[in-house]
N, C-alpha and C. Protein backbone atom coordinates (compact mmCIF):
# COMPACT_ATOMS: atom_id res chain seq x y z
N UNK A 1 0.82 -1.13 -0.04
CA UNK A 1 -0.05 -0.10 -0.11
C UNK A 1 0.93 1.33 0.09
N UNK A 2 1.84 1.25 0.91
CA UNK A 2 2.79 2.40 1.02
C UNK A 2 3.53 2.76 -0.34
N UNK A 3 4.04 1.64 -0.89
CA UNK A 3 4.77 1.62 -2.25
C UNK A 3 3.88 2.17 -3.24
N UNK A 4 2.57 1.71 -3.28
CA UNK A 4 1.68 2.09 -4.26
C UNK A 4 1.42 3.61 -4.27
N UNK A 5 1.30 4.28 -3.12
CA UNK A 5 1.09 5.69 -2.84
C UNK A 5 2.19 6.32 -3.35
N UNK A 6 3.58 6.00 -3.12
CA UNK A 6 4.64 6.62 -3.77
C UNK A 6 4.60 6.62 -5.22
N UNK A 7 4.40 5.54 -5.76
CA UNK A 7 4.22 5.35 -7.19
C UNK A 7 3.15 6.36 -7.87
N UNK A 8 2.10 6.33 -7.28
CA UNK A 8 1.02 7.16 -7.70
C UNK A 8 1.36 8.74 -7.54
N UNK A 9 2.05 9.06 -6.52
CA UNK A 9 2.55 10.44 -6.24
C UNK A 9 3.62 10.83 -7.34
N UNK A 10 4.57 9.74 -7.68
CA UNK A 10 5.46 10.00 -8.80
C UNK A 10 4.85 10.24 -10.04
N UNK A 11 3.86 9.47 -10.44
CA UNK A 11 3.16 9.61 -11.73
C UNK A 11 2.43 10.94 -11.84
N UNK A 12 1.72 11.33 -10.70
CA UNK A 12 1.08 12.69 -10.79
C UNK A 12 1.97 13.83 -10.97
N UNK A 13 3.06 13.70 -10.29
CA UNK A 13 4.07 14.68 -10.29
C UNK A 13 4.63 14.81 -11.92
N UNK A 14 4.82 13.74 -12.44
CA UNK A 14 5.34 13.84 -13.84
C UNK A 14 4.18 14.31 -14.84
N UNK A 15 2.95 13.96 -14.49
CA UNK A 15 1.83 14.66 -15.32
C UNK A 15 1.93 16.19 -15.25
N UNK A 16 1.93 16.61 -14.00
CA UNK A 16 2.08 18.15 -13.87
C UNK A 16 3.23 18.66 -14.78
N UNK A 17 4.35 18.13 -14.72
CA UNK A 17 5.57 18.51 -15.38
C UNK A 17 5.04 18.55 -16.99
N UNK A 18 4.49 17.48 -17.43
CA UNK A 18 4.28 17.35 -18.94
C UNK A 18 3.14 18.34 -19.34
N UNK A 19 2.22 18.56 -18.43
CA UNK A 19 1.26 19.51 -18.73
C UNK A 19 1.88 20.92 -18.73
N UNK A 20 2.73 21.28 -17.80
CA UNK A 20 3.40 22.51 -17.78
C UNK A 20 4.35 22.80 -18.83
N UNK A 21 4.96 21.56 -19.43
CA UNK A 21 5.84 21.71 -20.51
C UNK A 21 5.03 21.92 -21.94
N UNK A 22 3.95 21.72 -21.86
CA UNK A 22 3.01 21.81 -23.06
C UNK A 22 3.13 23.23 -23.49
N UNK A 23 3.38 24.08 -22.49
CA UNK A 23 3.57 25.67 -22.98
C UNK A 23 2.32 26.32 -23.19
N UNK A 24 1.09 25.73 -22.73
CA UNK A 24 -0.17 26.41 -23.11
C UNK A 24 -0.68 26.91 -21.87
N UNK A 25 -1.14 28.13 -21.83
CA UNK A 25 -1.59 28.78 -20.68
C UNK A 25 -3.16 28.80 -20.71
N UNK A 26 -3.71 27.99 -21.48
CA UNK A 26 -5.15 28.03 -21.69
C UNK A 26 -5.93 27.58 -20.43
N UNK A 27 -7.04 27.91 -20.28
CA UNK A 27 -7.94 27.73 -19.16
C UNK A 27 -7.94 26.12 -18.81
N UNK A 28 -7.97 25.37 -19.83
CA UNK A 28 -8.33 23.80 -19.75
C UNK A 28 -6.98 23.28 -19.05
N UNK A 29 -5.74 23.62 -19.53
CA UNK A 29 -4.53 23.18 -19.02
C UNK A 29 -4.24 23.73 -17.43
N UNK A 30 -4.75 24.82 -17.33
CA UNK A 30 -4.63 25.48 -15.91
C UNK A 30 -5.65 24.63 -14.87
N UNK A 31 -6.71 24.41 -15.37
CA UNK A 31 -7.59 23.47 -14.66
C UNK A 31 -7.02 22.14 -14.36
N UNK A 32 -6.41 21.54 -15.32
CA UNK A 32 -5.82 20.31 -15.20
C UNK A 32 -4.76 20.18 -14.21
N UNK A 33 -3.85 21.20 -14.29
CA UNK A 33 -2.77 21.42 -13.27
C UNK A 33 -3.21 21.69 -11.95
N UNK A 34 -4.29 22.42 -11.68
CA UNK A 34 -4.96 22.53 -10.38
C UNK A 34 -5.46 21.24 -9.76
N UNK A 35 -6.12 20.38 -10.77
CA UNK A 35 -6.67 19.14 -10.31
C UNK A 35 -5.41 18.21 -9.78
N UNK A 36 -4.35 18.29 -10.71
CA UNK A 36 -3.28 17.32 -10.42
C UNK A 36 -2.55 17.76 -9.13
N UNK A 37 -2.45 19.15 -8.97
CA UNK A 37 -1.95 19.57 -7.70
C UNK A 37 -2.56 19.09 -6.43
N UNK A 38 -3.86 19.18 -6.50
CA UNK A 38 -4.68 18.76 -5.38
C UNK A 38 -4.65 17.39 -5.07
N UNK A 39 -4.53 16.44 -6.29
CA UNK A 39 -4.23 15.16 -5.93
C UNK A 39 -2.92 14.89 -5.51
N UNK A 40 -1.97 15.56 -5.84
CA UNK A 40 -0.63 15.55 -5.24
C UNK A 40 -0.58 15.74 -3.83
N UNK A 41 -1.22 16.83 -3.37
CA UNK A 41 -1.31 17.22 -2.08
C UNK A 41 -1.92 16.06 -1.18
N UNK A 42 -3.06 15.44 -1.70
CA UNK A 42 -3.60 14.47 -1.03
C UNK A 42 -2.78 13.23 -0.81
N UNK A 43 -1.88 13.14 -1.83
CA UNK A 43 -1.11 11.76 -1.87
C UNK A 43 0.05 12.08 -0.95
N UNK A 44 0.57 13.43 -0.96
CA UNK A 44 1.71 13.81 0.06
C UNK A 44 1.19 13.53 1.43
N UNK A 45 -0.14 13.84 1.76
CA UNK A 45 -0.44 13.58 3.19
C UNK A 45 -0.48 12.16 3.49
N UNK A 46 -1.13 11.30 2.57
CA UNK A 46 -1.14 9.83 2.64
C UNK A 46 0.19 9.27 2.83
N UNK A 47 1.24 9.72 2.06
CA UNK A 47 2.48 9.08 2.32
C UNK A 47 3.06 9.46 3.63
N UNK A 48 2.99 10.69 3.96
CA UNK A 48 3.32 11.22 5.37
C UNK A 48 2.83 10.42 6.40
N UNK A 49 1.63 10.24 6.40
CA UNK A 49 0.79 9.30 7.43
C UNK A 49 1.21 7.89 7.24
N UNK A 50 1.45 7.27 6.11
CA UNK A 50 2.11 5.88 6.06
C UNK A 50 3.45 5.86 6.62
N UNK A 51 4.20 6.92 6.45
CA UNK A 51 5.59 6.90 7.07
C UNK A 51 5.48 6.94 8.62
N UNK A 52 4.58 7.70 8.99
CA UNK A 52 4.32 7.78 10.48
C UNK A 52 4.02 6.36 11.04
N UNK A 53 3.05 5.62 10.29
CA UNK A 53 2.55 4.58 10.79
C UNK A 53 3.66 3.43 10.94
N UNK A 54 4.46 3.38 9.87
CA UNK A 54 5.60 2.52 9.64
C UNK A 54 6.54 2.79 10.72
N UNK A 55 6.85 4.11 11.10
CA UNK A 55 7.88 4.47 12.17
C UNK A 55 7.32 3.84 13.41
N UNK A 56 6.02 3.98 13.71
CA UNK A 56 5.55 3.59 14.93
C UNK A 56 5.46 1.99 14.88
N UNK A 57 5.13 1.38 13.80
CA UNK A 57 5.15 -0.11 13.79
C UNK A 57 6.60 -0.59 14.16
N UNK A 58 7.56 0.08 13.62
CA UNK A 58 9.03 -0.37 14.00
C UNK A 58 9.28 -0.20 15.51
N UNK A 59 8.57 0.75 16.10
CA UNK A 59 8.86 0.96 17.53
C UNK A 59 8.23 -0.04 18.36
N UNK A 60 7.04 -0.52 17.80
CA UNK A 60 6.19 -1.62 18.50
C UNK A 60 7.06 -2.82 18.47
N UNK A 61 7.53 -3.16 17.39
CA UNK A 61 8.28 -4.40 17.17
C UNK A 61 9.50 -4.40 18.07
N UNK A 62 10.25 -3.24 18.13
CA UNK A 62 11.40 -2.94 19.00
C UNK A 62 11.06 -3.23 20.45
N UNK A 63 9.96 -2.70 20.75
CA UNK A 63 9.47 -2.90 22.30
C UNK A 63 9.22 -4.30 22.57
N UNK A 64 8.37 -4.89 21.68
CA UNK A 64 8.10 -6.37 21.79
C UNK A 64 9.28 -7.36 21.97
N UNK A 65 10.19 -7.13 21.03
CA UNK A 65 11.37 -7.93 20.96
C UNK A 65 12.17 -7.79 22.32
N UNK A 66 12.20 -6.53 22.91
CA UNK A 66 12.89 -6.37 24.07
C UNK A 66 12.30 -6.97 25.17
N UNK A 67 10.95 -6.83 25.28
CA UNK A 67 10.21 -7.15 26.52
C UNK A 67 9.99 -8.86 26.53
N UNK A 68 9.90 -9.32 25.15
CA UNK A 68 9.90 -10.83 25.24
C UNK A 68 11.33 -11.45 25.67
N UNK A 69 12.16 -10.65 25.41
CA UNK A 69 13.64 -11.23 25.64
C UNK A 69 13.77 -11.16 27.31
N UNK A 70 13.23 -10.23 27.81
CA UNK A 70 13.21 -10.04 29.31
C UNK A 70 12.23 -11.05 30.02
N UNK A 71 11.18 -11.56 29.34
CA UNK A 71 10.34 -12.47 30.06
C UNK A 71 10.75 -13.93 29.65
N UNK A 72 11.81 -13.96 28.88
CA UNK A 72 12.36 -15.35 28.43
C UNK A 72 11.36 -16.21 27.46
N UNK A 73 10.53 -15.60 26.89
CA UNK A 73 9.62 -16.24 25.94
C UNK A 73 9.86 -15.96 24.57
N UNK A 74 11.02 -15.35 24.26
CA UNK A 74 11.30 -14.99 22.79
C UNK A 74 11.23 -16.17 21.78
N UNK A 75 11.69 -17.32 22.39
CA UNK A 75 11.83 -18.50 21.38
C UNK A 75 10.56 -19.13 21.01
N UNK A 76 9.59 -18.71 21.71
CA UNK A 76 8.17 -19.42 21.49
C UNK A 76 7.18 -18.24 20.79
N UNK A 77 7.80 -17.20 20.45
CA UNK A 77 6.96 -15.99 20.03
C UNK A 77 7.78 -15.38 18.79
N UNK A 78 6.99 -15.28 17.73
CA UNK A 78 7.56 -14.67 16.54
C UNK A 78 6.91 -13.31 16.22
N UNK A 79 7.83 -12.28 16.21
CA UNK A 79 7.16 -10.83 15.99
C UNK A 79 7.64 -10.61 14.42
N UNK A 80 6.77 -10.16 13.52
CA UNK A 80 7.00 -9.79 12.26
C UNK A 80 6.48 -8.54 11.79
N UNK A 81 7.11 -7.78 10.84
CA UNK A 81 6.64 -6.79 10.27
C UNK A 81 6.27 -6.85 8.94
N UNK A 82 4.95 -6.81 8.60
CA UNK A 82 4.49 -7.14 7.35
C UNK A 82 3.61 -5.82 6.87
N UNK A 83 4.16 -5.09 5.75
CA UNK A 83 3.65 -3.80 5.35
C UNK A 83 3.39 -2.89 6.42
N UNK A 84 2.14 -2.55 6.81
CA UNK A 84 2.01 -1.54 7.99
C UNK A 84 1.50 -2.19 9.26
N UNK A 85 1.60 -3.45 9.46
CA UNK A 85 1.09 -4.14 10.47
C UNK A 85 2.06 -4.81 11.24
N UNK A 86 1.84 -5.25 12.51
CA UNK A 86 2.81 -6.16 13.40
C UNK A 86 2.08 -7.30 13.61
N UNK A 87 2.75 -8.49 13.36
CA UNK A 87 2.22 -9.67 13.61
C UNK A 87 2.80 -10.54 14.58
N UNK A 88 2.18 -11.00 15.80
CA UNK A 88 2.76 -11.63 16.81
C UNK A 88 2.13 -13.03 16.97
N UNK A 89 2.98 -13.98 16.63
CA UNK A 89 2.53 -15.44 16.49
C UNK A 89 3.11 -16.19 17.88
N UNK A 90 2.04 -16.76 18.51
CA UNK A 90 2.29 -17.43 19.79
C UNK A 90 2.35 -19.00 19.48
N UNK A 91 3.42 -19.60 19.71
CA UNK A 91 3.55 -20.83 19.15
C UNK A 91 2.92 -21.84 20.18
N UNK A 92 2.69 -23.09 19.82
CA UNK A 92 1.89 -24.11 20.31
C UNK A 92 2.26 -24.27 21.80
N UNK A 93 3.59 -24.38 22.16
CA UNK A 93 4.05 -24.77 23.36
C UNK A 93 3.69 -23.79 24.44
N UNK A 94 3.23 -22.60 24.12
CA UNK A 94 2.82 -21.52 25.12
C UNK A 94 1.37 -21.55 25.31
N UNK A 95 0.67 -22.08 24.31
CA UNK A 95 -0.75 -21.77 24.33
C UNK A 95 -1.74 -22.77 24.91
N UNK A 96 -2.01 -23.91 23.96
CA UNK A 96 -3.09 -24.89 24.34
C UNK A 96 -2.68 -26.25 24.23
N UNK A 97 -3.44 -27.06 25.11
CA UNK A 97 -3.46 -28.42 25.13
C UNK A 97 -4.31 -28.89 23.94
N UNK A 98 -4.17 -30.23 23.51
CA UNK A 98 -5.07 -30.69 22.54
C UNK A 98 -6.50 -30.51 22.90
N UNK A 99 -7.15 -30.11 21.87
CA UNK A 99 -8.80 -29.80 21.93
C UNK A 99 -9.01 -28.94 23.07
N UNK A 100 -8.23 -28.06 23.49
CA UNK A 100 -8.46 -27.16 24.63
C UNK A 100 -8.39 -25.73 24.30
N UNK A 101 -9.08 -24.78 24.91
CA UNK A 101 -9.14 -23.47 24.68
C UNK A 101 -8.85 -22.56 25.83
N UNK A 102 -8.62 -23.07 26.89
CA UNK A 102 -8.21 -22.30 28.05
C UNK A 102 -6.81 -21.79 28.05
N UNK A 103 -6.64 -20.57 28.29
CA UNK A 103 -5.25 -19.90 28.22
C UNK A 103 -4.55 -20.49 29.37
N UNK A 104 -3.33 -21.05 29.17
CA UNK A 104 -2.50 -21.71 30.11
C UNK A 104 -1.68 -20.59 30.76
N UNK A 105 -1.16 -21.14 31.99
CA UNK A 105 -0.33 -20.11 32.83
C UNK A 105 0.91 -19.84 32.01
N UNK A 106 1.42 -20.84 31.23
CA UNK A 106 2.66 -20.59 30.47
C UNK A 106 2.50 -19.38 29.40
N UNK A 107 1.23 -19.17 29.09
CA UNK A 107 1.02 -18.17 28.11
C UNK A 107 0.99 -16.75 28.84
N UNK A 108 0.72 -16.55 29.96
CA UNK A 108 0.30 -15.36 30.66
C UNK A 108 1.36 -14.42 30.55
N UNK A 109 2.74 -14.73 30.80
CA UNK A 109 3.76 -13.59 30.59
C UNK A 109 3.80 -12.98 29.21
N UNK A 110 3.57 -13.97 28.28
CA UNK A 110 3.62 -13.44 26.75
C UNK A 110 2.44 -12.48 26.64
N UNK A 111 1.32 -12.80 27.20
CA UNK A 111 0.07 -11.88 27.06
C UNK A 111 0.26 -10.61 27.62
N UNK A 112 1.08 -10.67 28.74
CA UNK A 112 1.35 -9.45 29.59
C UNK A 112 2.23 -8.50 28.76
N UNK A 113 3.16 -9.01 28.09
CA UNK A 113 4.04 -8.28 27.32
C UNK A 113 3.27 -7.71 26.13
N UNK A 114 2.50 -8.49 25.44
CA UNK A 114 1.67 -7.92 24.30
C UNK A 114 0.58 -6.90 24.91
N UNK A 115 -0.09 -7.19 25.99
CA UNK A 115 -0.91 -6.11 26.56
C UNK A 115 -0.24 -4.73 26.85
N UNK A 116 1.09 -4.92 27.29
CA UNK A 116 1.76 -3.51 27.52
C UNK A 116 2.07 -2.81 26.21
N UNK A 117 2.29 -3.47 25.14
CA UNK A 117 2.46 -2.87 23.78
C UNK A 117 1.24 -2.31 23.40
N UNK A 118 0.10 -3.02 23.47
CA UNK A 118 -1.25 -2.60 23.04
C UNK A 118 -1.63 -1.33 23.78
N UNK A 119 -1.31 -1.37 25.07
CA UNK A 119 -1.73 -0.17 26.00
C UNK A 119 -0.90 0.97 25.68
N UNK A 120 0.38 0.73 25.21
CA UNK A 120 1.13 1.95 24.93
C UNK A 120 0.90 2.55 23.66
N UNK A 121 0.14 1.99 22.78
CA UNK A 121 -0.20 2.47 21.45
C UNK A 121 -1.68 2.39 21.30
N UNK A 122 -2.43 3.32 21.83
CA UNK A 122 -3.88 3.23 21.95
C UNK A 122 -4.62 3.35 20.64
N UNK A 123 -3.95 3.87 19.65
CA UNK A 123 -4.46 4.05 18.35
C UNK A 123 -4.57 2.94 17.33
N UNK A 124 -3.89 1.69 17.98
CA UNK A 124 -3.82 0.42 17.20
C UNK A 124 -4.92 -0.43 17.73
N UNK A 125 -5.48 -1.13 16.73
CA UNK A 125 -6.56 -2.15 17.19
C UNK A 125 -5.86 -3.54 16.79
N UNK A 126 -6.51 -4.54 17.29
CA UNK A 126 -5.96 -6.07 17.20
C UNK A 126 -6.98 -7.04 16.76
N UNK A 127 -6.45 -7.78 15.75
CA UNK A 127 -7.24 -9.06 15.38
C UNK A 127 -6.49 -10.17 15.97
N UNK A 128 -7.21 -11.03 16.68
CA UNK A 128 -6.65 -12.18 17.29
C UNK A 128 -7.03 -13.35 16.23
N UNK A 129 -6.19 -14.07 15.81
CA UNK A 129 -6.60 -15.24 14.86
C UNK A 129 -6.22 -16.63 15.57
N UNK A 130 -7.32 -17.48 15.58
CA UNK A 130 -7.14 -18.68 16.06
C UNK A 130 -6.74 -19.64 14.98
N UNK A 131 -5.73 -20.42 14.97
CA UNK A 131 -5.31 -21.51 14.05
C UNK A 131 -5.16 -22.82 14.67
N UNK A 132 -5.60 -23.82 13.93
CA UNK A 132 -5.42 -25.26 14.48
C UNK A 132 -4.60 -26.10 13.32
N UNK A 133 -4.35 -27.26 13.85
CA UNK A 133 -3.94 -28.29 12.83
C UNK A 133 -5.24 -28.84 12.11
N UNK A 134 -5.04 -30.01 11.49
CA UNK A 134 -6.15 -30.60 10.70
C UNK A 134 -6.61 -32.04 11.36
N UNK A 135 -6.17 -32.18 12.68
CA UNK A 135 -6.48 -33.39 13.38
C UNK A 135 -7.99 -33.18 13.75
N UNK A 136 -8.67 -34.29 13.67
CA UNK A 136 -10.02 -34.49 13.99
C UNK A 136 -10.29 -34.16 15.59
N UNK A 137 -11.15 -33.32 15.93
CA UNK A 137 -11.51 -33.06 17.27
C UNK A 137 -11.88 -34.35 18.11
N UNK A 138 -11.33 -34.39 19.39
CA UNK A 138 -11.62 -35.50 20.11
C UNK A 138 -13.10 -35.70 20.45
N UNK A 139 -13.71 -36.85 20.39
CA UNK A 139 -15.06 -37.01 20.46
C UNK A 139 -15.60 -36.42 21.73
N UNK A 140 -14.89 -36.34 22.87
CA UNK A 140 -15.56 -35.86 23.96
C UNK A 140 -15.65 -34.45 24.00
N UNK A 141 -15.21 -33.73 22.98
CA UNK A 141 -15.32 -32.18 22.81
C UNK A 141 -16.25 -31.87 21.66
N UNK A 142 -16.82 -32.77 21.04
CA UNK A 142 -17.74 -32.50 19.87
C UNK A 142 -18.95 -31.57 20.26
N UNK A 143 -19.42 -31.87 21.49
CA UNK A 143 -20.54 -30.93 21.83
C UNK A 143 -20.12 -29.47 21.84
N UNK A 144 -18.93 -29.16 22.07
CA UNK A 144 -18.39 -27.76 22.07
C UNK A 144 -17.78 -27.27 20.70
N UNK A 145 -17.02 -28.25 20.08
CA UNK A 145 -16.36 -27.96 18.89
C UNK A 145 -16.61 -29.01 17.85
N UNK A 146 -17.71 -28.73 17.01
CA UNK A 146 -18.08 -29.77 16.02
C UNK A 146 -16.74 -29.79 14.95
N UNK A 147 -16.14 -28.70 14.88
CA UNK A 147 -14.90 -28.81 13.93
C UNK A 147 -13.77 -28.02 14.33
N UNK A 148 -12.65 -27.77 13.81
CA UNK A 148 -11.54 -27.01 14.09
C UNK A 148 -11.93 -25.52 13.84
N UNK A 149 -12.96 -25.15 13.04
CA UNK A 149 -13.34 -23.93 12.84
C UNK A 149 -13.74 -23.23 14.31
N UNK A 150 -14.69 -24.03 15.02
CA UNK A 150 -15.15 -23.64 16.35
C UNK A 150 -13.89 -23.63 17.28
N UNK A 151 -13.15 -24.56 17.22
CA UNK A 151 -12.02 -24.59 18.32
C UNK A 151 -11.07 -23.45 18.13
N UNK A 152 -10.77 -23.08 16.75
CA UNK A 152 -10.01 -21.82 16.49
C UNK A 152 -10.72 -20.59 17.09
N UNK A 153 -11.98 -20.44 16.78
CA UNK A 153 -12.68 -19.33 17.42
C UNK A 153 -12.48 -19.26 18.86
N UNK A 154 -12.80 -20.41 19.42
CA UNK A 154 -12.76 -20.40 20.98
C UNK A 154 -11.30 -19.92 21.55
N UNK A 155 -10.34 -20.39 20.79
CA UNK A 155 -8.98 -19.97 21.26
C UNK A 155 -8.74 -18.65 21.02
N UNK A 156 -9.12 -18.13 19.89
CA UNK A 156 -9.14 -16.56 19.70
C UNK A 156 -9.78 -15.83 20.80
N UNK A 157 -10.99 -16.30 20.96
CA UNK A 157 -11.84 -15.60 21.92
C UNK A 157 -11.22 -15.66 23.28
N UNK A 158 -10.70 -16.74 23.65
CA UNK A 158 -10.02 -16.80 24.96
C UNK A 158 -8.80 -15.79 25.25
N UNK A 159 -8.14 -15.68 24.25
CA UNK A 159 -7.15 -14.73 24.25
C UNK A 159 -7.64 -13.35 24.48
N UNK A 160 -8.63 -13.02 23.72
CA UNK A 160 -9.34 -11.72 23.72
C UNK A 160 -9.90 -11.53 25.08
N UNK A 161 -10.56 -12.29 25.62
CA UNK A 161 -11.24 -12.26 27.04
C UNK A 161 -10.18 -12.00 28.03
N UNK A 162 -9.03 -12.85 28.00
CA UNK A 162 -7.87 -12.63 29.02
C UNK A 162 -7.43 -11.20 28.96
N UNK A 163 -7.07 -10.80 27.57
CA UNK A 163 -6.57 -9.43 27.49
C UNK A 163 -7.51 -8.17 27.92
N UNK A 164 -8.83 -8.57 27.72
CA UNK A 164 -9.67 -7.47 28.27
C UNK A 164 -10.09 -7.69 29.63
N UNK A 165 -10.64 -8.85 30.01
CA UNK A 165 -11.20 -9.13 31.36
C UNK A 165 -10.18 -9.05 32.44
N UNK A 166 -8.94 -9.80 32.05
CA UNK A 166 -8.01 -9.98 33.19
C UNK A 166 -6.97 -8.85 33.22
N UNK A 167 -6.58 -8.44 31.97
CA UNK A 167 -5.40 -7.33 31.89
C UNK A 167 -6.04 -5.92 31.57
N UNK A 168 -7.42 -5.80 31.50
CA UNK A 168 -8.01 -4.61 31.42
C UNK A 168 -7.95 -3.61 30.12
N UNK A 169 -7.72 -4.30 29.05
CA UNK A 169 -7.73 -3.68 27.70
C UNK A 169 -9.19 -3.39 27.27
N UNK A 170 -9.47 -2.21 26.51
CA UNK A 170 -10.72 -1.96 25.99
C UNK A 170 -11.07 -3.00 25.03
N UNK A 171 -12.25 -3.59 25.18
CA UNK A 171 -12.81 -4.72 24.29
C UNK A 171 -13.01 -4.12 22.91
N UNK A 172 -13.34 -2.96 22.63
CA UNK A 172 -13.72 -2.40 21.49
C UNK A 172 -12.46 -2.39 20.54
N UNK A 173 -11.30 -2.64 21.01
CA UNK A 173 -10.08 -2.67 20.12
C UNK A 173 -9.80 -3.93 19.64
N UNK A 174 -10.57 -4.92 19.82
CA UNK A 174 -10.29 -6.27 19.43
C UNK A 174 -11.30 -6.94 18.59
N UNK A 175 -10.86 -7.85 17.71
CA UNK A 175 -11.70 -8.75 16.92
C UNK A 175 -11.16 -10.27 17.14
N UNK A 176 -11.95 -11.24 17.18
CA UNK A 176 -11.59 -12.57 17.33
C UNK A 176 -11.96 -13.23 16.06
N UNK A 177 -10.93 -13.80 15.31
CA UNK A 177 -11.10 -14.57 13.91
C UNK A 177 -10.64 -15.91 14.08
N UNK A 178 -11.33 -16.80 13.37
CA UNK A 178 -10.75 -18.22 13.28
C UNK A 178 -10.57 -18.65 11.90
N UNK A 179 -9.36 -19.18 11.65
CA UNK A 179 -8.99 -19.77 10.33
C UNK A 179 -8.92 -21.33 10.38
N UNK A 180 -9.28 -21.78 11.65
CA UNK A 180 -9.32 -23.18 11.64
C UNK A 180 -7.99 -23.85 11.25
N UNK A 181 -7.94 -24.95 10.45
CA UNK A 181 -6.81 -25.59 9.88
C UNK A 181 -6.53 -25.03 8.40
N UNK A 182 -7.11 -23.94 7.85
CA UNK A 182 -6.97 -23.73 6.53
C UNK A 182 -5.95 -22.77 6.22
N UNK A 183 -5.05 -22.27 7.09
CA UNK A 183 -3.98 -21.45 6.81
C UNK A 183 -2.73 -22.05 7.40
N UNK A 184 -2.50 -23.20 7.12
CA UNK A 184 -1.17 -23.90 7.66
C UNK A 184 0.13 -23.23 7.37
N UNK A 185 1.01 -23.21 8.21
CA UNK A 185 2.38 -22.72 7.84
C UNK A 185 3.56 -23.76 7.88
N UNK A 186 2.99 -25.03 8.13
CA UNK A 186 3.85 -26.22 8.05
C UNK A 186 3.11 -27.47 7.59
N UNK A 187 3.69 -28.62 7.39
CA UNK A 187 3.16 -29.74 7.02
C UNK A 187 2.27 -30.57 8.10
N UNK A 188 1.04 -30.73 7.95
CA UNK A 188 0.31 -31.48 8.84
C UNK A 188 0.57 -32.93 8.98
N UNK A 189 1.42 -33.47 8.12
CA UNK A 189 1.76 -34.87 8.19
C UNK A 189 2.69 -35.26 9.21
N UNK A 190 3.34 -34.21 9.90
CA UNK A 190 4.35 -34.52 10.91
C UNK A 190 3.89 -33.89 12.30
N UNK A 191 4.40 -34.44 13.19
CA UNK A 191 4.21 -33.96 14.55
C UNK A 191 4.64 -32.48 14.76
N UNK A 192 5.82 -32.21 14.21
CA UNK A 192 6.35 -30.93 14.46
C UNK A 192 5.47 -29.87 13.65
N UNK A 193 5.25 -30.28 12.42
CA UNK A 193 4.36 -29.52 11.59
C UNK A 193 2.97 -29.06 12.13
N UNK A 194 2.27 -30.06 12.73
CA UNK A 194 1.11 -29.73 13.34
C UNK A 194 1.25 -28.98 14.37
N UNK A 195 2.39 -29.09 15.26
CA UNK A 195 2.52 -28.05 16.39
C UNK A 195 2.70 -26.67 16.01
N UNK A 196 3.35 -26.54 14.82
CA UNK A 196 3.63 -25.11 14.21
C UNK A 196 2.16 -24.55 13.79
N UNK A 197 1.40 -25.61 13.24
CA UNK A 197 -0.01 -24.94 12.78
C UNK A 197 -0.95 -24.46 13.93
N UNK A 198 -0.68 -25.06 15.05
CA UNK A 198 -1.50 -24.86 16.29
C UNK A 198 -0.87 -23.54 16.97
N UNK A 199 -1.49 -22.49 16.63
CA UNK A 199 -0.91 -21.11 16.92
C UNK A 199 -2.02 -20.04 17.29
N UNK A 200 -1.72 -19.07 17.87
CA UNK A 200 -2.50 -17.82 18.00
C UNK A 200 -1.83 -16.56 17.36
N UNK A 201 -2.36 -15.84 16.35
CA UNK A 201 -1.64 -14.78 15.88
C UNK A 201 -2.43 -13.49 16.21
N UNK A 202 -1.72 -12.49 16.75
CA UNK A 202 -2.25 -11.21 17.10
C UNK A 202 -1.76 -10.17 16.10
N UNK A 203 -2.70 -9.64 15.31
CA UNK A 203 -2.26 -8.52 14.38
C UNK A 203 -2.65 -7.19 14.79
N UNK A 204 -1.55 -6.46 15.06
CA UNK A 204 -1.80 -5.00 15.52
C UNK A 204 -1.67 -4.18 14.20
N UNK A 205 -2.89 -3.43 14.10
CA UNK A 205 -2.82 -2.55 12.81
C UNK A 205 -3.46 -1.16 13.30
N UNK A 206 -3.16 -0.18 12.49
CA UNK A 206 -3.59 1.18 12.83
C UNK A 206 -4.86 1.60 11.81
N UNK A 207 -6.04 1.47 12.29
CA UNK A 207 -7.14 1.60 11.43
C UNK A 207 -7.47 3.34 11.18
N UNK A 208 -8.02 3.53 10.07
CA UNK A 208 -8.33 5.00 9.86
C UNK A 208 -9.43 5.37 10.58
N UNK A 209 -9.42 6.44 11.40
CA UNK A 209 -10.37 6.91 12.27
C UNK A 209 -11.28 8.07 11.49
């Protein structure tokens, strides 16, 4: 998105130059230049805003990596910068037991670090994504989770509830999403791959207000 804005700004600037070089002062060309200049001004504001968002994104990532290192959970948490968002992936060993959705004590220090970052950047909202492997739900849990869709949704919602109910963050800043087993990052044919696919991802993004 950011690169597209830069490209559009460059194209509009070239159009202004071409119109000006046409050497005509007629009203039609003057109007075209005015329109193009207005569009350039809007794009300049958009680029400046995107640069500010990216700068804050980098700050969030730096804070998270520092604080995860302090709480000794950095090896089980992946923090990524993707365009203008921050993606925090919590690996299986910190999150849930098989067919379970209750937040474990091992996950609490990680959520406290994430909550601190969210609290420090109040203009950023958060999508919490629940991901599962493709293993069939244990029969004893079918009443609650007919499929991995529901299990992923319960896991995402459990994280949101902990961040809001237990750690006091505003609920309106969150959305819980389930992708079930349909966005794997590893091979479900291996134990290690299934463990990687069982994860929760928190996506911090700055929405337009």
